[in-house]
Amino acid sequence: MAVDMKATETDGITYRMSGKAWKKLVAFLLAAVLIFIVGTALSIVSYSEKDETRQADAAIVLGASVYDNSPSPVFQERINHAVELYNDGHVKAIIMTGGVGEGNIRSEADIAREYAEQQGVPADAIFKEESSSITAENLENAMMVMSEERFNTALIVSDPLHMKRAMLYANDLGMTAYSSPTPTSLYRSWKTKLPFLMREEFFYIGYRLTRLFN
């Protein structure tokens, strides 16, 4: 009776694996990938509960969508948290991030600045970078603002499920930063959290993989 065999060659020696062995190998690899994906998702969820709020020079608000001349509800909650950090004396300045999105005239950072001023934050306590479009650029450009203003430490402000990826970027930049997720995030139910989590996991894993080649 014929046996399904597949050959591999190593150092000139030919080995043969049965079809059954190949199936076991594929099953093992798929299981390993699944475990990695689930484990990463759980780590993102776990990190979302980490709040390192403390005294720092500035709060960095990661950009989000804006509608006309107003921050989106998600962006508003990020800004509200930064305003609260300022009012409570945790930071002496706020750095708004985000460039001009498609279909908009003003930058996310400028609209965020205006919103924070309306909440009572002095104009001279608000800084902005207006050329970024993704999280990594938010932080890279915010770090340049920190350098110009001689800020040494920062609280990173965003939605809880965004924090693990944001903090990885900040750490890779050499920034002395701490996680300060907004407690009033609009991503509350799993119906809204799950799509956000899947997106975060995709970009988080993608970034980790690119780091291997840099």
C-alpha atoms as a PDB file:
ATOM      1  CA  MET A   1       0.000   0.000   0.000  1.00  0.00           C
ATOM      2  CA  ALA A   2       1.446   3.409  -0.963  1.00  0.00           C
ATOM      3  CA  VAL A   3       2.146   5.905   1.826  1.00  0.00           C
ATOM      4  CA  ASP A   4       1.874   9.646   1.209  1.00  0.00           C
ATOM      5  CA  MET A   5       5.369  10.946   1.898  1.00  0.00           C
ATOM      6  CA  LYS A   6       6.896  14.411   1.541  1.00  0.00           C
ATOM      7  CA  ALA A   7      10.638  14.935   1.493  1.00  0.00           C
ATOM      8  CA  THR A   8      12.762  17.664   3.014  1.00  0.00           C
ATOM      9  CA  GLU A   9      16.515  18.009   2.693  1.00  0.00           C
ATOM     10  CA  THR A  10      18.926  19.263   5.374  1.00  0.00           C
ATOM     11  CA  ASP A  11      22.730  19.192   5.060  1.00  0.00           C
ATOM     12  CA  GLY A  12      22.465  16.779   2.152  1.00  0.00           C
ATOM     13  CA  ILE A  13      20.367  14.266   4.103  1.00  0.00           C
ATOM     14  CA  THR A  14      16.865  13.628   2.864  1.00  0.00           C
ATOM     15  CA  TYR A  15      14.113  13.105   5.427  1.00  0.00           C
ATOM     16  CA  ARG A  16      10.598  11.982   4.661  1.00  0.00           C
ATOM     17  CA  MET A  17       7.508  13.066   6.541  1.00  0.00           C
ATOM     18  CA  SER A  18       4.208  11.321   6.193  1.00  0.00           C
ATOM     19  CA  GLY A  19       1.065  13.247   5.353  1.00  0.00           C
ATOM     20  CA  LYS A  20      -0.078  12.662   8.921  1.00  0.00           C
ATOM     21  CA  ALA A  21       3.092  14.244  10.293  1.00  0.00           C
ATOM     22  CA  TRP A  22       2.621  17.277   8.042  1.00  0.00           C
ATOM     23  CA  LYS A  23      -0.936  17.691   9.286  1.00  0.00           C
ATOM     24  CA  LYS A  24       0.286  17.580  12.880  1.00  0.00           C
ATOM     25  CA  LEU A  25       2.909  20.204  12.124  1.00  0.00           C
ATOM     26  CA  VAL A  26       0.392  22.495  10.439  1.00  0.00           C
ATOM     27  CA  ALA A  27      -2.057  21.996  13.315  1.00  0.00           C
ATOM     28  CA  PHE A  28       0.694  22.842  15.814  1.00  0.00           C
ATOM     29  CA  LEU A  29       1.633  26.015  13.948  1.00  0.00           C
ATOM     30  CA  LEU A  30      -2.003  27.107  13.670  1.00  0.00           C
ATOM     31  CA  ALA A  31      -2.505  26.474  17.380  1.00  0.00           C
ATOM     32  CA  ALA A  32       0.621  28.488  18.187  1.00  0.00           C
ATOM     33  CA  VAL A  33      -0.611  31.402  16.058  1.00  0.00           C
ATOM     34  CA  LEU A  34      -4.036  31.257  17.700  1.00  0.00           C
ATOM     35  CA  ILE A  35      -2.498  31.244  21.171  1.00  0.00           C
ATOM     36  CA  PHE A  36      -0.328  34.220  20.218  1.00  0.00           C
ATOM     37  CA  ILE A  37      -3.307  36.181  18.881  1.00  0.00           C
ATOM     38  CA  VAL A  38      -5.487  35.447  21.917  1.00  0.00           C
ATOM     39  CA  GLY A  39      -2.605  36.142  24.293  1.00  0.00           C
ATOM     40  CA  THR A  40      -1.907  39.484  22.631  1.00  0.00           C
ATOM     41  CA  ALA A  41      -5.573  40.472  22.829  1.00  0.00           C
ATOM     42  CA  LEU A  42      -5.677  39.613  26.522  1.00  0.00           C
ATOM     43  CA  SER A  43      -2.514  41.622  27.152  1.00  0.00           C
ATOM     44  CA  ILE A  44      -4.043  44.666  25.433  1.00  0.00           C
ATOM     45  CA  VAL A  45      -7.194  44.342  27.539  1.00  0.00           C
ATOM     46  CA  SER A  46      -5.149  43.878  30.709  1.00  0.00           C
ATOM     47  CA  TYR A  47      -2.959  46.896  29.932  1.00  0.00           C
ATOM     48  CA  SER A  48      -6.062  49.012  29.337  1.00  0.00           C
ATOM     49  CA  GLU A  49      -6.714  48.857  33.088  1.00  0.00           C
ATOM     50  CA  LYS A  50      -3.251  50.207  33.912  1.00  0.00           C
ATOM     51  CA  ASP A  51      -3.300  53.797  35.143  1.00  0.00           C
ATOM     52  CA  GLU A  52       0.094  55.332  35.916  1.00  0.00           C
ATOM     53  CA  THR A  53      -1.161  58.891  36.402  1.00  0.00           C
ATOM     54  CA  ARG A  54       1.346  60.925  38.394  1.00  0.00           C
ATOM     55  CA  GLN A  55       3.075  64.297  38.365  1.00  0.00           C
ATOM     56  CA  ALA A  56       4.520  65.037  34.922  1.00  0.00           C
ATOM     57  CA  ASP A  57       5.499  68.014  32.807  1.00  0.00           C
ATOM     58  CA  ALA A  58       2.831  67.567  30.136  1.00  0.00           C
ATOM     59  CA  ALA A  59      -0.121  65.492  29.018  1.00  0.00           C
ATOM     60  CA  ILE A  60       0.033  64.290  25.416  1.00  0.00           C
ATOM     61  CA  VAL A  61      -3.432  63.882  23.901  1.00  0.00           C
ATOM     62  CA  LEU A  62      -3.387  61.443  21.001  1.00  0.00           C
ATOM     63  CA  GLY A  63      -5.371  62.652  18.018  1.00  0.00           C
ATOM     64  CA  ALA A  64      -8.768  61.404  16.886  1.00  0.00           C
ATOM     65  CA  SER A  65     -11.476  62.389  14.431  1.00  0.00           C
ATOM     66  CA  VAL A  66     -12.991  65.858  14.256  1.00  0.00           C
ATOM     67  CA  TYR A  67     -16.286  66.925  12.721  1.00  0.00           C
ATOM     68  CA  ASP A  68     -16.287  70.376  11.130  1.00  0.00           C
ATOM     69  CA  ASN A  69     -14.891  72.544  13.928  1.00  0.00           C
ATOM     70  CA  SER A  70     -15.591  70.207  16.826  1.00  0.00           C
ATOM     71  CA  PRO A  71     -13.757  67.191  18.225  1.00  0.00           C
ATOM     72  CA  SER A  72     -15.572  63.874  17.867  1.00  0.00           C
ATOM     73  CA  PRO A  73     -17.174  62.506  21.051  1.00  0.00           C
ATOM     74  CA  VAL A  74     -14.236  60.082  21.421  1.00  0.00           C
ATOM     75  CA  PHE A  75     -11.724  62.923  21.040  1.00  0.00           C
ATOM     76  CA  GLN A  76     -13.686  65.094  23.477  1.00  0.00           C
ATOM     77  CA  GLU A  77     -13.298  62.509  26.234  1.00  0.00           C
ATOM     78  CA  ARG A  78      -9.540  62.371  25.660  1.00  0.00           C
ATOM     79  CA  ILE A  79      -9.313  66.153  25.865  1.00  0.00           C
ATOM     80  CA  ASN A  80     -11.596  66.256  28.915  1.00  0.00           C
ATOM     81  CA  HIS A  81      -9.244  63.889  30.716  1.00  0.00           C
ATOM     82  CA  ALA A  82      -6.216  66.034  29.847  1.00  0.00           C
ATOM     83  CA  VAL A  83      -8.048  69.134  31.083  1.00  0.00           C
ATOM     84  CA  GLU A  84      -8.801  67.337  34.333  1.00  0.00           C
ATOM     85  CA  LEU A  85      -5.141  66.367  34.693  1.00  0.00           C
ATOM     86  CA  TYR A  86      -4.195  70.016  34.222  1.00  0.00           C
ATOM     87  CA  ASN A  87      -6.819  71.299  36.662  1.00  0.00           C
ATOM     88  CA  ASP A  88      -5.771  68.738  39.274  1.00  0.00           C
ATOM     89  CA  GLY A  89      -2.152  69.859  38.997  1.00  0.00           C
ATOM     90  CA  HIS A  90      -0.810  66.592  37.577  1.00  0.00           C
ATOM     91  CA  VAL A  91       0.622  68.437  34.547  1.00  0.00           C
ATOM     92  CA  LYS A  92       1.565  72.029  33.797  1.00  0.00           C
ATOM     93  CA  ALA A  93       0.919  71.788  30.053  1.00  0.00           C
ATOM     94  CA  ILE A  94      -1.073  69.885  27.442  1.00  0.00           C
ATOM     95  CA  ILE A  95       0.252  68.860  24.023  1.00  0.00           C
ATOM     96  CA  MET A  96      -2.476  68.335  21.427  1.00  0.00           C
ATOM     97  CA  THR A  97      -1.644  66.120  18.458  1.00  0.00           C
ATOM     98  CA  GLY A  98      -3.112  65.476  15.024  1.00  0.00           C
ATOM     99  CA  GLY A  99      -2.933  66.977  11.563  1.00  0.00           C
ATOM    100  CA  VAL A 100      -5.555  67.973   9.028  1.00  0.00           C
ATOM    101  CA  GLY A 101      -7.704  64.994   8.119  1.00  0.00           C
ATOM    102  CA  GLU A 102      -9.352  64.356   4.787  1.00  0.00           C
ATOM    103  CA  GLY A 103     -12.228  66.735   4.188  1.00  0.00           C
ATOM    104  CA  ASN A 104     -11.204  69.055   7.037  1.00  0.00           C
ATOM    105  CA  ILE A 105      -9.752  72.549   6.980  1.00  0.00           C
ATOM    106  CA  ARG A 106      -8.349  72.758  10.503  1.00  0.00           C
ATOM    107  CA  SER A 107      -6.081  70.288  12.237  1.00  0.00           C
ATOM    108  CA  GLU A 108      -7.197  67.927  14.993  1.00  0.00           C
ATOM    109  CA  ALA A 109      -4.673  69.583  17.320  1.00  0.00           C
ATOM    110  CA  ASP A 110      -5.991  73.085  16.676  1.00  0.00           C
ATOM    111  CA  ILE A 111      -9.606  72.082  17.242  1.00  0.00           C
ATOM    112  CA  ALA A 112      -8.540  70.270  20.414  1.00  0.00           C
ATOM    113  CA  ARG A 113      -6.674  73.376  21.580  1.00  0.00           C
ATOM    114  CA  GLU A 114      -9.767  75.520  21.081  1.00  0.00           C
ATOM    115  CA  TYR A 115     -11.943  73.005  22.940  1.00  0.00           C
ATOM    116  CA  ALA A 116      -9.523  72.898  25.895  1.00  0.00           C
ATOM    117  CA  GLU A 117      -9.434  76.697  26.059  1.00  0.00           C
ATOM    118  CA  GLN A 118     -13.225  76.691  26.212  1.00  0.00           C
ATOM    119  CA  GLN A 119     -12.882  74.412  29.236  1.00  0.00           C
ATOM    120  CA  GLY A 120     -10.737  77.027  30.946  1.00  0.00           C
ATOM    121  CA  VAL A 121      -7.169  75.932  30.158  1.00  0.00           C
ATOM    122  CA  PRO A 122      -4.938  78.981  29.516  1.00  0.00           C
ATOM    123  CA  ALA A 123      -3.730  79.340  25.932  1.00  0.00           C
ATOM    124  CA  ASP A 124      -0.086  79.491  27.041  1.00  0.00           C
ATOM    125  CA  ALA A 125      -0.413  76.064  28.664  1.00  0.00           C
ATOM    126  CA  ILE A 126      -1.486  74.373  25.415  1.00  0.00           C
ATOM    127  CA  PHE A 127       0.950  73.254  22.739  1.00  0.00           C
ATOM    128  CA  LYS A 128       0.217  71.468  19.494  1.00  0.00           C
ATOM    129  CA  GLU A 129       1.723  69.546  16.626  1.00  0.00           C
ATOM    130  CA  GLU A 130      -0.291  69.596  13.421  1.00  0.00           C
ATOM    131  CA  SER A 131       1.472  67.337  10.935  1.00  0.00           C
ATOM    132  CA  SER A 132       0.749  63.815  12.159  1.00  0.00           C
ATOM    133  CA  SER A 133      -1.828  61.344  10.892  1.00  0.00           C
ATOM    134  CA  ILE A 134      -1.090  58.179  12.896  1.00  0.00           C
ATOM    135  CA  THR A 135      -0.288  57.354  16.522  1.00  0.00           C
ATOM    136  CA  ALA A 136       3.437  56.889  15.981  1.00  0.00           C
ATOM    137  CA  GLU A 137       3.658  60.334  14.357  1.00  0.00           C
ATOM    138  CA  ASN A 138       1.560  61.855  17.166  1.00  0.00           C
ATOM    139  CA  LEU A 139       4.201  60.776  19.635  1.00  0.00           C
ATOM    140  CA  GLU A 140       7.246  61.519  17.489  1.00  0.00           C
ATOM    141  CA  ASN A 141       6.078  65.087  16.909  1.00  0.00           C
ATOM    142  CA  ALA A 142       4.949  65.549  20.509  1.00  0.00           C
ATOM    143  CA  MET A 143       8.423  64.531  21.611  1.00  0.00           C
ATOM    144  CA  MET A 144       9.871  67.327  19.483  1.00  0.00           C
ATOM    145  CA  VAL A 145       7.555  69.762  21.260  1.00  0.00           C
ATOM    146  CA  MET A 146       8.746  68.360  24.585  1.00  0.00           C
ATOM    147  CA  SER A 147      12.341  68.918  23.564  1.00  0.00           C
ATOM    148  CA  GLU A 148      11.656  72.507  22.465  1.00  0.00           C
ATOM    149  CA  GLU A 149       9.822  73.313  25.691  1.00  0.00           C
ATOM    150  CA  ARG A 150      12.253  71.336  27.868  1.00  0.00           C
ATOM    151  CA  PHE A 151       9.571  68.995  29.138  1.00  0.00           C
ATOM    152  CA  ASN A 152      11.111  65.803  30.524  1.00  0.00           C
ATOM    153  CA  THR A 153       8.091  63.667  31.403  1.00  0.00           C
ATOM    154  CA  ALA A 154       4.645  63.086  29.959  1.00  0.00           C
ATOM    155  CA  LEU A 155       1.328  61.402  30.618  1.00  0.00           C
ATOM    156  CA  ILE A 156      -0.035  59.730  27.479  1.00  0.00           C
ATOM    157  CA  VAL A 157      -3.783  60.268  27.151  1.00  0.00           C
ATOM    158  CA  SER A 158      -6.009  58.114  24.974  1.00  0.00           C
ATOM    159  CA  ASP A 159      -8.689  55.441  25.189  1.00  0.00           C
ATOM    160  CA  PRO A 160      -7.775  52.482  27.421  1.00  0.00           C
ATOM    161  CA  LEU A 161      -7.498  49.895  24.614  1.00  0.00           C
ATOM    162  CA  HIS A 162      -5.129  52.213  22.729  1.00  0.00           C
ATOM    163  CA  MET A 163      -2.655  52.507  25.581  1.00  0.00           C
ATOM    164  CA  LYS A 164      -0.516  49.392  25.143  1.00  0.00           C
ATOM    165  CA  ARG A 165       0.417  50.263  21.567  1.00  0.00           C
ATOM    166  CA  ALA A 166       0.865  53.955  22.363  1.00  0.00           C
ATOM    167  CA  MET A 167       3.166  53.198  25.277  1.00  0.00           C
ATOM    168  CA  LEU A 168       5.226  50.804  23.153  1.00  0.00           C
ATOM    169  CA  TYR A 169       5.797  53.610  20.645  1.00  0.00           C
ATOM    170  CA  ALA A 170       6.660  56.063  23.440  1.00  0.00           C
ATOM    171  CA  ASN A 171       9.132  53.667  25.019  1.00  0.00           C
ATOM    172  CA  ASP A 172      10.797  52.987  21.667  1.00  0.00           C
ATOM    173  CA  LEU A 173      11.228  56.738  21.217  1.00  0.00           C
ATOM    174  CA  GLY A 174      12.995  56.913  24.559  1.00  0.00           C
ATOM    175  CA  MET A 175      10.253  59.078  26.033  1.00  0.00           C
ATOM    176  CA  THR A 176       9.797  59.113  29.803  1.00  0.00           C
ATOM    177  CA  ALA A 177       6.054  58.593  29.677  1.00  0.00           C
ATOM    178  CA  TYR A 178       3.273  57.081  31.731  1.00  0.00           C
ATOM    179  CA  SER A 179      -0.111  55.665  30.826  1.00  0.00           C
ATOM    180  CA  SER A 180      -3.124  57.794  31.749  1.00  0.00           C
ATOM    181  CA  PRO A 181      -6.174  56.358  29.959  1.00  0.00           C
ATOM    182  CA  THR A 182      -9.335  58.412  29.892  1.00  0.00           C
ATOM    183  CA  PRO A 183     -11.808  56.963  32.427  1.00  0.00           C
ATOM    184  CA  THR A 184     -14.763  58.220  30.402  1.00  0.00           C
ATOM    185  CA  SER A 185     -13.959  56.403  27.163  1.00  0.00           C
ATOM    186  CA  LEU A 186     -16.978  55.866  24.958  1.00  0.00           C
ATOM    187  CA  TYR A 187     -15.788  52.320  24.219  1.00  0.00           C
ATOM    188  CA  ARG A 188     -17.708  50.734  27.095  1.00  0.00           C
ATOM    189  CA  SER A 189     -19.693  47.773  25.789  1.00  0.00           C
ATOM    190  CA  TRP A 190     -18.080  44.798  24.060  1.00  0.00           C
ATOM    191  CA  LYS A 191     -20.082  45.731  20.966  1.00  0.00           C
ATOM    192  CA  THR A 192     -17.954  48.869  20.685  1.00  0.00           C
ATOM    193  CA  LYS A 193     -14.810  47.491  22.330  1.00  0.00           C
ATOM    194  CA  LEU A 194     -14.374  44.436  20.107  1.00  0.00           C
ATOM    195  CA  PRO A 195     -13.841  46.273  16.776  1.00  0.00           C
ATOM    196  CA  PHE A 196     -11.443  48.659  18.535  1.00  0.00           C
ATOM    197  CA  LEU A 197      -9.590  45.741  20.115  1.00  0.00           C
ATOM    198  CA  MET A 198      -9.264  43.927  16.782  1.00  0.00           C
ATOM    199  CA  ARG A 199      -7.897  47.058  15.136  1.00  0.00           C
ATOM    200  CA  GLU A 200      -5.439  47.648  17.973  1.00  0.00           C
ATOM    201  CA  GLU A 201      -4.244  44.060  17.858  1.00  0.00           C
ATOM    202  CA  PHE A 202      -3.674  44.258  14.100  1.00  0.00           C
ATOM    203  CA  PHE A 203      -1.512  47.382  14.386  1.00  0.00           C
ATOM    204  CA  TYR A 204       0.222  46.219  17.558  1.00  0.00           C
ATOM    205  CA  ILE A 205       1.287  42.893  16.071  1.00  0.00           C
ATOM    206  CA  GLY A 206       2.244  44.592  12.809  1.00  0.00           C
ATOM    207  CA  TYR A 207       4.489  47.023  14.640  1.00  0.00           C
ATOM    208  CA  ARG A 208       6.088  44.286  16.732  1.00  0.00           C
ATOM    209  CA  LEU A 209       6.893  42.381  13.548  1.00  0.00           C
ATOM    210  CA  THR A 210       8.423  45.417  11.831  1.00  0.00           C
ATOM    211  CA  ARG A 211      10.607  46.005  14.893  1.00  0.00           C
ATOM    212  CA  LEU A 212      12.275  42.661  14.221  1.00  0.00           C
ATOM    213  CA  PHE A 213      13.730  44.020  10.991  1.00  0.00           C
ATOM    214  CA  ASN A 214      14.766  47.463  12.226  1.00  0.00           C
END
